[in-house]
Amino acid sequence: IEQLQAKEKLLAAENAILTEKCQAVQVTEERQADFRVLENGENSDV
């Protein structure tokens, strides 16, 4: 039983890390999209 609880804690910790990474990736992708929009806007002005 103790081993199962330890595994559950490890899995929960891994899930937390993975969700944090996924959220960070989503944020960076959104920022990259914003930069592309800015670049396209500047290019269209020229």
PDB file of N, CA and C in Angstrom:
ATOM      1  N   ILE A   1       0.853  -1.201   0.000  1.00  0.00           N
ATOM      2  CA  ILE A   1       0.000   0.000   0.000  1.00  0.00           C
ATOM      3  C   ILE A   1       0.885   1.246   0.000  1.00  0.00           C
ATOM      4  N   GLU A   2       1.928   1.258   0.824  1.00  0.00           N
ATOM      5  CA  GLU A   2       2.812   2.425   0.883  1.00  0.00           C
ATOM      6  C   GLU A   2       3.481   2.662  -0.464  1.00  0.00           C
ATOM      7  N   GLN A   3       3.866   1.580  -1.137  1.00  0.00           N
ATOM      8  CA  GLN A   3       4.507   1.724  -2.450  1.00  0.00           C
ATOM      9  C   GLN A   3       3.542   2.355  -3.441  1.00  0.00           C
ATOM     10  N   LEU A   4       2.275   1.938  -3.394  1.00  0.00           N
ATOM     11  CA  LEU A   4       1.283   2.513  -4.308  1.00  0.00           C
ATOM     12  C   LEU A   4       1.125   4.001  -4.048  1.00  0.00           C
ATOM     13  N   GLN A   5       1.063   4.384  -2.777  1.00  0.00           N
ATOM     14  CA  GLN A   5       0.918   5.804  -2.443  1.00  0.00           C
ATOM     15  C   GLN A   5       2.126   6.588  -2.935  1.00  0.00           C
ATOM     16  N   ALA A   6       3.314   6.019  -2.802  1.00  0.00           N
ATOM     17  CA  ALA A   6       4.524   6.701  -3.260  1.00  0.00           C
ATOM     18  C   ALA A   6       4.468   6.864  -4.772  1.00  0.00           C
ATOM     19  N   LYS A   7       4.022   5.813  -5.485  1.00  0.00           N
ATOM     20  CA  LYS A   7       3.916   5.899  -6.946  1.00  0.00           C
ATOM     21  C   LYS A   7       2.903   6.965  -7.334  1.00  0.00           C
ATOM     22  N   GLU A   8       1.787   7.010  -6.620  1.00  0.00           N
ATOM     23  CA  GLU A   8       0.761   8.015  -6.930  1.00  0.00           C
ATOM     24  C   GLU A   8       1.329   9.419  -6.751  1.00  0.00           C
ATOM     25  N   LYS A   9       2.111   9.621  -5.697  1.00  0.00           N
ATOM     26  CA  LYS A   9       2.714  10.942  -5.471  1.00  0.00           C
ATOM     27  C   LYS A   9       3.669  11.283  -6.607  1.00  0.00           C
ATOM     28  N   LEU A  10       4.467  10.297  -7.031  1.00  0.00           N
ATOM     29  CA  LEU A  10       5.407  10.535  -8.131  1.00  0.00           C
ATOM     30  C   LEU A  10       4.644  10.884  -9.400  1.00  0.00           C
ATOM     31  N   LEU A  11       3.595  10.126  -9.696  1.00  0.00           N
ATOM     32  CA  LEU A  11       2.808  10.392 -10.903  1.00  0.00           C
ATOM     33  C   LEU A  11       2.175  11.771 -10.831  1.00  0.00           C
ATOM     34  N   ALA A  12       1.661  12.130  -9.675  1.00  0.00           N
ATOM     35  CA  ALA A  12       1.042  13.450  -9.521  1.00  0.00           C
ATOM     36  C   ALA A  12       2.086  14.537  -9.760  1.00  0.00           C
ATOM     37  N   ALA A  13       3.288  14.340  -9.243  1.00  0.00           N
ATOM     38  CA  ALA A  13       4.355  15.328  -9.432  1.00  0.00           C
ATOM     39  C   ALA A  13       4.717  15.418 -10.910  1.00  0.00           C
ATOM     40  N   GLU A  14       4.827  14.260 -11.580  1.00  0.00           N
ATOM     41  CA  GLU A  14       5.161  14.258 -13.004  1.00  0.00           C
ATOM     42  C   GLU A  14       4.068  14.951 -13.802  1.00  0.00           C
ATOM     43  N   ASN A  15       2.809  14.672 -13.463  1.00  0.00           N
ATOM     44  CA  ASN A  15       1.699  15.315 -14.171  1.00  0.00           C
ATOM     45  C   ASN A  15       1.762  16.824 -13.997  1.00  0.00           C
ATOM     46  N   ALA A  16       2.078  17.281 -12.797  1.00  0.00           N
ATOM     47  CA  ALA A  16       2.166  18.719 -12.535  1.00  0.00           C
ATOM     48  C   ALA A  16       3.264  19.331 -13.395  1.00  0.00           C
ATOM     49  N   ILE A  17       4.405  18.649 -13.474  1.00  0.00           N
ATOM     50  CA  ILE A  17       5.523  19.165 -14.285  1.00  0.00           C
ATOM     51  C   ILE A  17       5.114  19.204 -15.753  1.00  0.00           C
ATOM     52  N   LEU A  18       4.463  18.141 -16.222  1.00  0.00           N
ATOM     53  CA  LEU A  18       4.056  18.086 -17.631  1.00  0.00           C
ATOM     54  C   LEU A  18       3.052  19.183 -17.948  1.00  0.00           C
ATOM     55  N   THR A  19       2.085  19.397 -17.072  1.00  0.00           N
ATOM     56  CA  THR A  19       1.087  20.435 -17.346  1.00  0.00           C
ATOM     57  C   THR A  19       1.758  21.799 -17.353  1.00  0.00           C
ATOM     58  N   GLU A  20       2.730  22.014 -16.460  1.00  0.00           N
ATOM     59  CA  GLU A  20       3.451  23.295 -16.451  1.00  0.00           C
ATOM     60  C   GLU A  20       4.190  23.479 -17.766  1.00  0.00           C
ATOM     61  N   LYS A  21       4.841  22.412 -18.252  1.00  0.00           N
ATOM     62  CA  LYS A  21       5.579  22.501 -19.517  1.00  0.00           C
ATOM     63  C   LYS A  21       4.614  22.802 -20.653  1.00  0.00           C
ATOM     64  N   CYS A  22       3.479  22.104 -20.670  1.00  0.00           N
ATOM     65  CA  CYS A  22       2.501  22.319 -21.744  1.00  0.00           C
ATOM     66  C   CYS A  22       2.014  23.763 -21.726  1.00  0.00           C
ATOM     67  N   GLN A  23       1.723  24.291 -20.545  1.00  0.00           N
ATOM     68  CA  GLN A  23       1.260  25.674 -20.444  1.00  0.00           C
ATOM     69  C   GLN A  23       2.347  26.619 -20.928  1.00  0.00           C
ATOM     70  N   ALA A  24       3.599  26.347 -20.581  1.00  0.00           N
ATOM     71  CA  ALA A  24       4.704  27.207 -21.004  1.00  0.00           C
ATOM     72  C   ALA A  24       4.827  27.172 -22.519  1.00  0.00           C
ATOM     73  N   VAL A  25       4.680  25.992 -23.106  1.00  0.00           N
ATOM     74  CA  VAL A  25       4.773  25.864 -24.568  1.00  0.00           C
ATOM     75  C   VAL A  25       3.654  26.655 -25.219  1.00  0.00           C
ATOM     76  N   GLN A  26       2.439  26.553 -24.675  1.00  0.00           N
ATOM     77  CA  GLN A  26       1.313  27.298 -25.245  1.00  0.00           C
ATOM     78  C   GLN A  26       1.597  28.793 -25.195  1.00  0.00           C
ATOM     79  N   VAL A  27       2.145  29.269 -24.101  1.00  0.00           N
ATOM     80  CA  VAL A  27       2.440  30.701 -23.956  1.00  0.00           C
ATOM     81  C   VAL A  27       3.473  31.122 -24.991  1.00  0.00           C
ATOM     82  N   THR A  28       4.545  30.341 -25.148  1.00  0.00           N
ATOM     83  CA  THR A  28       5.584  30.719 -26.108  1.00  0.00           C
ATOM     84  C   THR A  28       5.030  30.690 -27.517  1.00  0.00           C
ATOM     85  N   GLU A  29       4.159  29.733 -27.829  1.00  0.00           N
ATOM     86  CA  GLU A  29       3.567  29.678 -29.166  1.00  0.00           C
ATOM     87  C   GLU A  29       2.697  30.905 -29.400  1.00  0.00           C
ATOM     88  N   GLU A  30       1.951  31.318 -28.378  1.00  0.00           N
ATOM     89  CA  GLU A  30       1.111  32.512 -28.518  1.00  0.00           C
ATOM     90  C   GLU A  30       1.989  33.736 -28.747  1.00  0.00           C
ATOM     91  N   ARG A  31       3.099  33.830 -28.026  1.00  0.00           N
ATOM     92  CA  ARG A  31       4.005  34.972 -28.197  1.00  0.00           C
ATOM     93  C   ARG A  31       4.588  34.967 -29.604  1.00  0.00           C
ATOM     94  N   GLN A  32       4.982  33.798 -30.092  1.00  0.00           N
ATOM     95  CA  GLN A  32       5.534  33.707 -31.444  1.00  0.00           C
ATOM     96  C   GLN A  32       4.492  34.155 -32.455  1.00  0.00           C
ATOM     97  N   ALA A  33       3.238  33.770 -32.248  1.00  0.00           N
ATOM     98  CA  ALA A  33       2.171  34.187 -33.156  1.00  0.00           C
ATOM     99  C   ALA A  33       2.031  35.702 -33.107  1.00  0.00           C
ATOM    100  N   ASP A  34       2.116  36.284 -31.914  1.00  0.00           N
ATOM    101  CA  ASP A  34       2.034  37.746 -31.780  1.00  0.00           C
ATOM    102  C   ASP A  34       3.180  38.403 -32.536  1.00  0.00           C
ATOM    103  N   PHE A  35       4.386  37.854 -32.408  1.00  0.00           N
ATOM    104  CA  PHE A  35       5.536  38.432 -33.107  1.00  0.00           C
ATOM    105  C   PHE A  35       5.320  38.357 -34.611  1.00  0.00           C
ATOM    106  N   ARG A  36       4.774  37.239 -35.095  1.00  0.00           N
ATOM    107  CA  ARG A  36       4.531  37.094 -36.534  1.00  0.00           C
ATOM    108  C   ARG A  36       3.552  38.160 -36.998  1.00  0.00           C
ATOM    109  N   VAL A  37       2.520  38.390 -36.212  1.00  0.00           N
ATOM    110  CA  VAL A  37       1.531  39.412 -36.578  1.00  0.00           C
ATOM    111  C   VAL A  37       2.215  40.773 -36.636  1.00  0.00           C
ATOM    112  N   LEU A  38       3.058  41.064 -35.647  1.00  0.00           N
ATOM    113  CA  LEU A  38       3.771  42.346 -35.634  1.00  0.00           C
ATOM    114  C   LEU A  38       4.673  42.463 -36.858  1.00  0.00           C
ATOM    115  N   GLU A  39       5.416  41.397 -37.158  1.00  0.00           N
ATOM    116  CA  GLU A  39       6.319  41.427 -38.312  1.00  0.00           C
ATOM    117  C   GLU A  39       5.529  41.629 -39.600  1.00  0.00           C
ATOM    118  N   ASN A  40       4.434  40.907 -39.738  1.00  0.00           N
ATOM    119  CA  ASN A  40       3.617  41.039 -40.946  1.00  0.00           C
ATOM    120  C   ASN A  40       3.063  42.449 -41.056  1.00  0.00           C
ATOM    121  N   GLY A  41       2.656  43.021 -39.926  1.00  0.00           N
ATOM    122  CA  GLY A  41       2.119  44.375 -39.930  1.00  0.00           C
ATOM    123  C   GLY A  41       3.181  45.368 -40.369  1.00  0.00           C
ATOM    124  N   GLU A  42       4.394  45.212 -39.857  1.00  0.00           N
ATOM    125  CA  GLU A  42       5.480  46.125 -40.228  1.00  0.00           C
ATOM    126  C   GLU A  42       5.830  45.959 -41.698  1.00  0.00           C
ATOM    127  N   ASN A  43       5.852  44.721 -42.169  1.00  0.00           N
ATOM    128  CA  ASN A  43       6.208  44.470 -43.566  1.00  0.00           C
ATOM    129  C   ASN A  43       5.168  45.060 -44.507  1.00  0.00           C
ATOM    130  N   SER A  44       3.900  44.992 -44.126  1.00  0.00           N
ATOM    131  CA  SER A  44       2.847  45.496 -45.013  1.00  0.00           C
ATOM    132  C   SER A  44       2.903  47.023 -45.092  1.00  0.00           C
ATOM    133  N   ASP A  45       3.439  47.683 -44.057  1.00  0.00           N
ATOM    134  CA  ASP A  45       3.537  49.150 -44.077  1.00  0.00           C
ATOM    135  C   ASP A  45       4.599  49.611 -45.070  1.00  0.00           C
ATOM    136  N   VAL A  46       5.640  48.815 -45.255  1.00  0.00           N
ATOM    137  CA  VAL A  46       6.766  49.227 -46.108  1.00  0.00           C
ATOM    138  C   VAL A  46       6.350  49.281 -47.563  1.00  0.00           C
TER     139      VAL A  46
END
